[in-house]
N, C-alpha and C. Protein backbone atom coordinates (compact mmCIF):
# COMPACT_ATOMS: atom_id res chain seq x y z
N MET A 1 12.48 123.24 178.33
CA MET A 1 11.71 123.61 176.85
C MET A 1 12.21 122.40 176.05
N GLU A 2 11.29 121.59 175.55
CA GLU A 2 11.53 120.56 174.79
C GLU A 2 11.90 121.05 173.28
N ASN A 3 12.73 120.43 172.64
CA ASN A 3 13.57 120.59 171.49
C ASN A 3 12.38 120.26 170.48
N THR A 4 11.52 120.93 169.77
CA THR A 4 10.51 120.78 169.01
C THR A 4 10.71 120.66 167.58
N THR A 5 12.16 120.64 167.31
CA THR A 5 12.55 120.57 165.93
C THR A 5 13.43 119.24 165.90
N LYS A 6 13.26 118.32 166.86
CA LYS A 6 13.88 117.04 166.87
C LYS A 6 12.78 116.05 166.64
N VAL A 7 13.24 115.09 165.44
CA VAL A 7 12.26 114.08 165.15
C VAL A 7 13.04 112.60 165.16
N VAL A 8 12.33 111.79 165.95
CA VAL A 8 12.86 110.25 165.51
C VAL A 8 11.96 109.55 164.82
N THR A 9 12.37 109.31 163.84
CA THR A 9 11.62 108.81 162.76
C THR A 9 11.12 107.27 163.10
N GLY A 10 10.01 106.87 162.01
CA GLY A 10 9.68 105.42 161.94
C GLY A 10 10.88 104.77 161.28
N LYS A 11 10.36 103.61 160.96
CA LYS A 11 11.37 102.85 160.08
C LYS A 11 11.51 103.33 158.74
N VAL A 12 12.64 103.74 158.24
CA VAL A 12 12.78 104.40 156.99
C VAL A 12 14.20 103.70 156.27
N ARG A 13 14.21 103.92 155.21
CA ARG A 13 15.23 103.27 154.34
C ARG A 13 16.54 104.16 154.26
N PHE A 14 17.47 103.81 154.43
CA PHE A 14 18.79 104.67 154.42
C PHE A 14 19.41 104.73 152.66
N SER A 15 19.60 105.82 152.25
CA SER A 15 20.14 105.91 150.93
C SER A 15 21.35 106.66 150.89
N TYR A 16 22.21 106.65 150.09
CA TYR A 16 23.46 107.79 150.00
C TYR A 16 23.89 107.77 151.26
N ALA A 17 24.26 106.60 152.04
CA ALA A 17 24.61 106.58 153.33
C ALA A 17 26.22 106.89 153.41
N ASN A 18 26.66 108.24 153.91
CA ASN A 18 28.02 108.50 153.98
C ASN A 18 28.17 108.92 155.48
N VAL A 19 27.99 107.66 156.21
CA VAL A 19 27.78 107.85 157.87
C VAL A 19 29.18 107.54 158.44
N TRP A 20 30.23 106.80 157.82
CA TRP A 20 31.28 106.52 158.44
C TRP A 20 32.50 107.40 158.23
N GLU A 21 32.51 108.13 157.08
CA GLU A 21 33.84 108.73 156.72
C GLU A 21 32.95 110.34 156.31
N PRO A 22 33.39 111.29 156.49
CA PRO A 22 32.73 112.59 156.04
C PRO A 22 33.20 112.68 154.46
N LYS A 23 32.25 113.42 153.83
CA LYS A 23 32.63 113.51 152.45
C LYS A 23 32.26 115.05 152.05
N SER A 24 32.97 115.72 151.22
CA SER A 24 32.64 116.70 150.75
C SER A 24 31.59 116.82 149.52
N ILE A 25 30.38 117.58 149.36
CA ILE A 25 29.52 117.65 148.34
C ILE A 25 29.98 118.98 147.38
N ASN A 26 30.16 118.81 146.24
CA ASN A 26 30.43 120.12 145.57
C ASN A 26 31.59 121.20 146.09
N GLY A 27 32.37 120.57 146.63
CA GLY A 27 33.51 121.29 147.13
C GLY A 27 33.16 121.93 148.51
N GLY A 28 32.05 121.44 149.25
CA GLY A 28 31.82 122.31 150.27
C GLY A 28 32.31 121.65 151.31
N ASP A 29 31.97 121.95 152.88
CA ASP A 29 32.87 121.50 154.33
C ASP A 29 32.27 119.74 154.04
N GLU A 30 33.43 118.96 154.65
CA GLU A 30 33.31 117.67 154.72
C GLU A 30 32.00 117.35 155.58
N LYS A 31 31.28 116.42 155.56
CA LYS A 31 30.18 116.22 156.17
C LYS A 31 29.77 114.38 156.12
N TYR A 32 29.07 114.16 157.31
CA TYR A 32 28.36 112.84 157.34
C TYR A 32 26.92 113.08 156.85
N SER A 33 26.42 112.20 155.94
CA SER A 33 25.29 112.44 155.40
C SER A 33 24.23 111.18 155.08
N VAL A 34 23.24 111.25 154.88
CA VAL A 34 22.32 109.92 154.59
C VAL A 34 20.88 110.67 154.07
N SER A 35 20.39 110.01 153.04
CA SER A 35 18.96 110.48 152.41
C SER A 35 18.01 109.37 153.07
N LEU A 36 17.26 109.73 153.85
CA LEU A 36 16.14 109.04 154.56
C LEU A 36 14.90 108.98 153.68
N ILE A 37 14.55 107.73 153.08
CA ILE A 37 13.30 107.56 152.52
C ILE A 37 12.37 107.01 153.25
N VAL A 38 11.40 107.87 153.64
CA VAL A 38 10.17 107.71 154.24
C VAL A 38 8.66 107.00 153.28
N PRO A 39 8.18 106.20 153.84
CA PRO A 39 6.86 105.73 153.32
C PRO A 39 6.06 106.70 153.41
N LYS A 40 5.04 107.10 152.45
CA LYS A 40 4.09 107.93 152.60
C LYS A 40 3.10 107.38 153.60
N ALA A 41 3.15 106.03 153.61
CA ALA A 41 2.11 105.47 154.61
C ALA A 41 2.42 105.61 155.78
N ASP A 42 3.79 106.19 156.26
CA ASP A 42 4.03 106.42 157.93
C ASP A 42 3.57 107.56 158.10
N THR A 43 2.45 108.19 158.36
CA THR A 43 1.79 109.43 158.44
C THR A 43 2.30 110.12 159.71
N LYS A 44 2.57 109.16 160.68
CA LYS A 44 3.02 109.76 162.03
C LYS A 44 4.54 110.45 161.79
N THR A 45 5.40 109.79 160.98
CA THR A 45 6.77 110.29 160.91
C THR A 45 6.71 111.75 160.04
N ILE A 46 5.79 111.48 158.90
CA ILE A 46 5.71 112.62 158.05
C ILE A 46 4.97 113.84 158.69
N ALA A 47 3.99 113.80 159.70
CA ALA A 47 3.46 114.70 160.51
C ALA A 47 4.56 115.42 161.57
N ASP A 48 5.34 114.41 162.05
CA ASP A 48 6.27 115.05 162.92
C ASP A 48 7.36 115.97 162.33
N ILE A 49 7.60 115.35 161.08
CA ILE A 49 8.85 116.13 160.25
C ILE A 49 8.06 117.64 160.00
N LYS A 50 6.94 117.47 159.36
CA LYS A 50 6.12 118.78 159.05
C LYS A 50 5.98 119.79 160.27
N ALA A 51 5.68 119.07 161.36
CA ALA A 51 5.83 120.11 162.65
C ALA A 51 6.91 120.51 162.82
N ALA A 52 8.11 119.76 162.82
CA ALA A 52 9.35 120.07 163.22
C ALA A 52 9.95 121.07 162.09
N ILE A 53 9.78 121.32 161.09
CA ILE A 53 10.04 122.04 159.93
C ILE A 53 9.23 123.42 160.14
N GLU A 54 7.89 123.31 160.67
CA GLU A 54 7.38 124.64 160.92
C GLU A 54 7.83 125.32 162.01
N GLN A 55 8.19 124.61 163.20
CA GLN A 55 8.80 124.91 164.41
C GLN A 55 10.07 125.82 164.22
N ALA A 56 11.08 124.90 162.95
CA ALA A 56 12.08 125.79 162.58
C ALA A 56 12.07 126.93 161.69
N LYS A 57 11.16 127.17 161.06
CA LYS A 57 10.67 128.38 160.22
C LYS A 57 10.29 129.45 161.35
N LYS A 58 9.80 129.19 162.42
CA LYS A 58 9.32 130.06 163.61
C LYS A 58 10.59 130.30 164.28
N ASP A 59 11.39 129.42 164.71
CA ASP A 59 12.83 129.80 165.47
C ASP A 59 13.88 130.51 164.76
N GLY A 60 13.52 130.46 163.01
CA GLY A 60 14.50 130.87 162.51
C GLY A 60 14.14 132.42 161.55
N VAL A 61 13.02 132.77 162.16
CA VAL A 61 12.38 134.00 161.29
C VAL A 61 13.44 135.21 161.68
N SER A 62 14.15 135.26 162.52
CA SER A 62 15.31 136.32 162.45
C SER A 62 16.12 136.22 161.42
N LYS A 63 16.70 135.03 161.06
CA LYS A 63 17.74 134.80 160.04
C LYS A 63 17.06 135.17 158.64
N PHE A 64 15.54 135.17 158.61
CA PHE A 64 14.99 135.52 157.27
C PHE A 64 14.55 136.85 157.28
N GLY A 65 15.20 137.95 158.19
CA GLY A 65 14.59 139.14 158.20
C GLY A 65 13.39 139.63 158.81
N GLY A 66 13.04 138.76 159.80
CA GLY A 66 11.72 138.72 160.43
C GLY A 66 10.44 138.20 159.74
N LYS A 67 10.55 137.72 158.53
CA LYS A 67 9.46 137.23 157.83
C LYS A 67 9.91 136.07 157.17
N VAL A 68 9.06 134.97 157.13
CA VAL A 68 9.30 133.77 156.29
C VAL A 68 9.22 133.95 154.90
N PRO A 69 10.21 133.76 154.06
CA PRO A 69 9.96 134.05 152.63
C PRO A 69 9.27 132.96 152.12
N ALA A 70 8.39 133.16 151.00
CA ALA A 70 7.83 132.27 150.14
C ALA A 70 8.49 131.34 149.51
N ASN A 71 9.49 131.52 149.09
CA ASN A 71 10.25 130.81 148.42
C ASN A 71 11.49 129.93 149.14
N LEU A 72 11.21 129.59 150.41
CA LEU A 72 11.93 128.79 151.25
C LEU A 72 12.27 127.56 150.80
N LYS A 73 13.63 126.98 150.66
CA LYS A 73 13.98 125.85 150.48
C LYS A 73 13.51 124.75 151.73
N LEU A 74 12.84 123.71 151.32
CA LEU A 74 12.39 122.83 152.41
C LEU A 74 13.11 121.45 152.27
N PRO A 75 13.41 120.78 153.45
CA PRO A 75 13.89 119.50 153.14
C PRO A 75 13.32 118.36 152.90
N LEU A 76 11.87 118.22 152.98
CA LEU A 76 11.22 117.17 152.66
C LEU A 76 10.80 117.01 151.37
N ARG A 77 11.23 116.12 150.48
CA ARG A 77 10.77 115.95 149.10
C ARG A 77 9.87 114.80 148.66
N ASP A 78 9.23 115.07 147.64
CA ASP A 78 8.42 113.78 147.25
C ASP A 78 9.16 112.93 146.26
N GLY A 79 9.30 111.77 146.66
CA GLY A 79 10.19 111.10 145.95
C GLY A 79 9.57 110.58 144.48
N ASP A 80 7.82 110.40 144.60
CA ASP A 80 7.31 110.52 143.20
C ASP A 80 7.44 111.67 142.20
N VAL A 81 7.84 112.87 142.72
CA VAL A 81 7.96 113.90 141.87
C VAL A 81 9.50 114.38 141.51
N ASP A 82 10.37 114.19 142.55
CA ASP A 82 11.67 114.53 142.43
C ASP A 82 12.63 113.37 141.98
N ARG A 83 12.13 112.22 142.04
CA ARG A 83 12.79 110.95 141.57
C ARG A 83 12.14 109.98 141.02
N PRO A 84 11.52 110.42 140.02
CA PRO A 84 10.38 109.45 139.51
C PRO A 84 10.73 108.26 138.83
N ASP A 85 12.17 108.10 138.38
CA ASP A 85 12.73 107.05 137.76
C ASP A 85 13.26 106.09 138.73
N ASP A 86 13.24 106.23 140.12
CA ASP A 86 14.01 105.69 140.88
C ASP A 86 12.99 104.83 141.97
N GLU A 87 12.99 103.40 141.78
CA GLU A 87 12.04 102.61 142.30
C GLU A 87 12.24 102.72 143.89
N ALA A 88 13.38 102.97 144.15
CA ALA A 88 13.56 103.03 146.06
C ALA A 88 12.58 104.17 146.43
N TYR A 89 12.21 105.18 145.63
CA TYR A 89 11.80 106.20 146.02
C TYR A 89 10.20 106.56 145.79
N LYS A 90 9.50 105.33 145.18
CA LYS A 90 8.24 105.36 144.98
C LYS A 90 7.38 105.14 145.82
N ASP A 91 6.19 106.02 145.99
CA ASP A 91 5.47 106.20 147.33
C ASP A 91 6.12 106.62 148.66
N CYS A 92 7.21 107.45 148.26
CA CYS A 92 7.68 107.85 149.57
C CYS A 92 8.10 109.12 149.47
N TYR A 93 8.22 109.74 150.64
CA TYR A 93 9.15 111.12 150.69
C TYR A 93 10.62 110.70 151.01
N PHE A 94 11.46 111.88 150.72
CA PHE A 94 12.83 111.98 151.24
C PHE A 94 13.30 112.90 151.82
N ILE A 95 14.46 112.76 152.57
CA ILE A 95 15.07 113.94 153.45
C ILE A 95 16.24 113.63 153.33
N ASN A 96 17.17 114.74 153.00
CA ASN A 96 18.62 114.70 152.99
C ASN A 96 18.94 115.21 154.45
N ALA A 97 19.62 114.41 155.27
CA ALA A 97 20.18 115.03 156.61
C ALA A 97 21.84 114.92 156.52
N ASN A 98 22.59 115.81 157.37
CA ASN A 98 23.75 115.72 157.14
C ASN A 98 24.39 116.62 158.54
N SER A 99 25.67 116.25 158.97
CA SER A 99 26.18 116.73 160.14
C SER A 99 27.73 116.86 159.79
N LYS A 100 28.28 117.95 160.66
CA LYS A 100 29.83 117.85 160.72
C LYS A 100 30.27 116.76 161.59
N ASP A 101 29.56 116.45 162.47
CA ASP A 101 29.93 115.35 163.34
C ASP A 101 29.23 113.91 163.16
N ARG A 102 30.31 113.13 163.28
CA ARG A 102 29.77 111.63 162.92
C ARG A 102 28.78 111.35 163.77
N PRO A 103 27.53 110.63 163.06
CA PRO A 103 26.38 110.34 164.05
C PRO A 103 26.79 108.81 164.77
N GLY A 104 26.08 108.77 165.82
CA GLY A 104 26.00 107.71 166.52
C GLY A 104 25.20 106.63 165.79
N ILE A 105 25.80 105.32 165.81
CA ILE A 105 25.31 104.32 164.94
C ILE A 105 25.01 102.91 165.81
N VAL A 106 23.81 102.73 166.10
CA VAL A 106 23.43 101.54 166.89
C VAL A 106 22.57 100.39 166.24
N ASP A 107 22.48 99.29 166.62
CA ASP A 107 21.61 98.03 166.17
C ASP A 107 20.31 98.02 167.01
N LYS A 108 19.38 97.09 166.84
CA LYS A 108 18.12 97.12 167.20
C LYS A 108 18.31 97.18 168.85
N LYS A 109 19.24 96.59 169.39
CA LYS A 109 19.37 96.35 170.68
C LYS A 109 20.17 97.61 171.31
N VAL A 110 20.50 98.55 170.53
CA VAL A 110 20.93 100.00 170.80
C VAL A 110 22.38 99.75 171.18
N LYS A 111 23.24 98.79 170.79
CA LYS A 111 24.47 98.38 171.01
C LYS A 111 25.01 99.43 169.74
N PRO A 112 26.15 99.77 170.08
CA PRO A 112 26.98 100.42 168.83
C PRO A 112 27.27 99.53 167.86
N ILE A 113 27.26 99.98 166.54
CA ILE A 113 27.64 99.14 165.25
C ILE A 113 29.04 99.35 164.89
N LEU A 114 30.10 98.61 164.87
CA LEU A 114 31.30 99.10 164.45
C LEU A 114 31.84 98.64 163.26
N ASP A 115 31.13 97.63 162.63
CA ASP A 115 31.35 97.05 161.48
C ASP A 115 30.88 97.88 160.28
N GLN A 116 31.58 98.69 159.53
CA GLN A 116 31.22 99.39 158.64
C GLN A 116 30.04 98.89 157.43
N SER A 117 30.25 97.70 157.45
CA SER A 117 29.63 96.76 156.26
C SER A 117 28.01 96.61 156.74
N GLU A 118 28.03 96.94 157.95
CA GLU A 118 26.53 96.78 158.69
C GLU A 118 25.57 97.62 158.37
N LEU A 119 26.06 98.89 158.19
CA LEU A 119 24.82 100.02 158.01
C LEU A 119 25.41 100.52 156.57
N TYR A 120 24.59 100.21 155.62
CA TYR A 120 24.72 100.67 154.29
C TYR A 120 23.44 101.41 153.38
N SER A 121 23.78 101.81 152.04
CA SER A 121 22.65 102.24 151.42
C SER A 121 21.82 100.99 151.36
N GLY A 122 20.58 101.31 151.68
CA GLY A 122 19.41 100.15 151.39
C GLY A 122 18.99 99.40 152.68
N CYS A 123 19.65 99.57 153.61
CA CYS A 123 19.24 98.82 154.84
C CYS A 123 18.12 99.68 155.62
N TYR A 124 17.44 99.46 156.47
CA TYR A 124 16.29 100.04 157.06
C TYR A 124 16.55 100.36 158.63
N GLY A 125 15.98 101.51 159.21
CA GLY A 125 16.33 101.80 160.39
C GLY A 125 15.57 102.99 160.73
N ARG A 126 15.81 103.55 161.90
CA ARG A 126 15.29 104.76 162.34
C ARG A 126 16.50 105.83 162.33
N ALA A 127 16.21 107.18 162.58
CA ALA A 127 16.89 108.14 162.41
C ALA A 127 16.64 109.03 163.55
N SER A 128 17.53 109.94 164.25
CA SER A 128 17.07 110.99 165.07
C SER A 128 17.46 112.25 164.11
N ILE A 129 16.75 113.27 163.73
CA ILE A 129 17.39 114.11 163.24
C ILE A 129 16.78 115.62 163.87
N THR A 130 17.35 116.60 163.24
CA THR A 130 16.91 117.98 163.86
C THR A 130 16.68 118.98 162.47
N PHE A 131 15.70 120.11 162.83
CA PHE A 131 15.74 120.85 161.65
C PHE A 131 15.96 122.45 162.09
N TYR A 132 16.64 123.19 161.27
CA TYR A 132 16.98 124.41 161.65
C TYR A 132 17.12 125.35 160.42
N ALA A 133 17.00 126.51 160.62
CA ALA A 133 16.72 127.75 159.31
C ALA A 133 18.08 128.07 159.15
N PHE A 134 18.64 128.25 157.83
CA PHE A 134 19.87 128.75 157.31
C PHE A 134 19.61 129.78 156.32
N ASN A 135 20.32 130.70 156.24
CA ASN A 135 20.36 131.90 155.12
C ASN A 135 21.86 132.05 154.76
N GLN A 136 22.32 131.52 153.73
CA GLN A 136 23.69 131.71 153.27
C GLN A 136 23.50 132.08 151.94
N ASN A 137 24.31 132.86 151.58
CA ASN A 137 24.47 133.44 150.01
C ASN A 137 23.29 133.71 149.39
N GLY A 138 22.17 134.25 150.14
CA GLY A 138 20.91 134.27 149.48
C GLY A 138 20.08 133.18 149.21
N ASN A 139 20.33 131.74 149.62
CA ASN A 139 19.68 130.86 149.89
C ASN A 139 19.08 130.79 151.35
N LYS A 140 17.66 130.67 151.47
CA LYS A 140 17.09 130.49 152.67
C LYS A 140 16.36 129.31 152.71
N GLY A 141 16.28 128.48 153.75
CA GLY A 141 15.57 127.53 153.94
C GLY A 141 15.57 126.67 155.03
N ILE A 142 15.23 125.52 155.33
CA ILE A 142 15.51 124.76 156.53
C ILE A 142 16.29 123.50 156.10
N ALA A 143 17.27 123.20 156.96
CA ALA A 143 17.88 122.22 156.89
C ALA A 143 17.70 121.24 157.72
N CYS A 144 18.08 119.87 157.60
CA CYS A 144 17.91 118.57 158.54
C CYS A 144 19.41 118.11 158.88
N GLY A 145 19.65 118.26 160.21
CA GLY A 145 20.72 117.98 160.81
C GLY A 145 20.74 116.31 161.30
N LEU A 146 21.74 115.80 160.96
CA LEU A 146 21.70 114.34 161.25
C LEU A 146 22.19 114.23 162.89
N GLN A 147 21.63 113.35 163.65
CA GLN A 147 21.96 112.98 164.96
C GLN A 147 22.54 111.76 165.00
N ASN A 148 21.69 110.75 165.03
CA ASN A 148 22.08 109.39 165.32
C ASN A 148 21.32 108.22 164.30
N LEU A 149 21.53 107.06 164.29
CA LEU A 149 20.96 106.10 163.26
C LEU A 149 20.95 105.05 164.14
N GLN A 150 19.77 104.31 163.91
CA GLN A 150 19.49 102.94 164.51
C GLN A 150 19.26 101.83 163.38
N LYS A 151 19.95 100.86 163.06
CA LYS A 151 19.63 100.03 161.88
C LYS A 151 18.77 98.79 162.74
N LEU A 152 17.61 98.50 161.87
CA LEU A 152 16.59 97.67 162.10
C LEU A 152 16.63 96.64 161.44
N ALA A 153 16.84 96.54 159.87
CA ALA A 153 16.65 95.31 159.28
C ALA A 153 17.73 95.72 158.08
N ASP A 154 18.07 94.36 157.45
CA ASP A 154 18.78 94.66 156.17
C ASP A 154 17.85 94.69 155.08
N GLY A 155 18.50 95.14 153.91
CA GLY A 155 17.53 95.41 152.87
C GLY A 155 18.44 95.48 151.52
N GLU A 156 17.84 95.39 150.31
CA GLU A 156 18.78 95.27 149.27
C GLU A 156 19.49 96.61 148.96
N SER A 157 20.97 96.36 148.65
CA SER A 157 21.97 97.35 148.71
C SER A 157 21.42 98.35 147.64
N LEU A 158 21.45 99.62 147.92
CA LEU A 158 21.05 100.63 146.98
C LEU A 158 22.45 101.28 146.11
N GLY A 159 23.53 100.57 146.65
CA GLY A 159 24.67 101.27 145.85
C GLY A 159 24.94 100.62 144.59
N GLY A 160 24.26 99.52 144.20
CA GLY A 160 24.55 98.98 142.98
C GLY A 160 25.67 97.95 142.93
N ARG A 161 26.20 97.93 144.33
CA ARG A 161 27.20 96.91 144.53
C ARG A 161 26.83 95.58 145.41
N SER A 162 27.06 94.59 144.68
CA SER A 162 26.75 93.20 145.64
C SER A 162 27.67 93.02 146.72
N LYS A 163 27.49 92.06 147.60
CA LYS A 163 28.08 91.95 148.62
C LYS A 163 29.04 90.39 147.85
N ALA A 164 30.39 90.10 148.46
CA ALA A 164 31.08 89.40 147.94
C ALA A 164 30.33 87.91 148.19
N GLU A 165 29.77 87.93 149.55
CA GLU A 165 29.12 86.54 149.77
C GLU A 165 28.13 86.09 148.98
N ASP A 166 27.45 87.32 148.21
CA ASP A 166 26.19 86.80 147.40
C ASP A 166 26.80 86.46 146.18
N ASP A 167 27.97 86.81 145.62
CA ASP A 167 28.49 86.73 144.07
C ASP A 167 29.14 85.39 143.86
N PHE A 168 29.64 84.46 145.32
CA PHE A 168 30.35 83.56 144.90
C PHE A 168 29.93 82.50 145.93
N ASP A 169 30.04 81.11 145.33
CA ASP A 169 29.63 79.88 146.04
C ASP A 169 30.97 79.72 146.92
N SER A 170 30.88 78.53 147.91
CA SER A 170 32.25 78.25 148.56
C SER A 170 33.00 77.47 147.61
N ALA A 171 34.21 77.74 147.46
CA ALA A 171 35.14 77.00 146.69
C ALA A 171 36.01 76.15 147.51
N GLU A 172 35.78 75.58 148.48
CA GLU A 172 36.79 74.95 149.42
C GLU A 172 36.80 73.25 148.83
N ASP A 173 35.56 72.88 147.99
CA ASP A 173 35.53 71.61 147.47
C ASP A 173 36.41 71.46 146.20
N GLU A 174 36.76 72.58 145.47
CA GLU A 174 37.17 72.46 144.13
C GLU A 174 38.72 72.57 144.08
N ASP A 175 39.17 71.78 143.22
CA ASP A 175 40.44 71.75 143.17
C ASP A 175 40.90 72.49 142.16
N PHE A 176 41.66 73.86 142.26
CA PHE A 176 42.12 74.39 141.40
C PHE A 176 43.37 74.26 140.36
N LEU A 177 44.06 73.03 140.95
CA LEU A 177 45.07 72.88 140.41
C LEU A 177 45.02 71.58 139.13
N ALA A 178 43.68 71.26 139.23
CA ALA A 178 43.34 69.91 138.18
C ALA A 178 43.40 70.47 136.72
């Protein structure tokens, strides 16, 4: 039986990438997480995600008391609606994926990335994600589980923090004692 709630995305942009150390959001359990920014032009990835969400609804109907509620929280969000002031989300959907387990992180050649500065908010890659139903404290919805990440390309950092090598010129020629 194939897991139809698993999706491997096309090229997306990673944002809010907490993929090296788990963090607690609002006092909850510590988790690894990333926001995946999916261009609206990537209709295949969007269709795959929507199909996986539908499958997760069917798989999770027992969690919802036998019937899918109308006000179900869904993970796929429209960047133009939910983040209208953020240029990185323009003409894109986004999805927040998280996991209690650290994701596997590889490069283009599927070799593990060990240098934590290599994968950051703003770079581009692909993600393997799964969708599942939840019903906690009256909140019902479909959540997105983070599996693995593959970095494909560098991008402008979204963390607002520049890299040291971009801020400074080489100082070896200058005589600081003069």
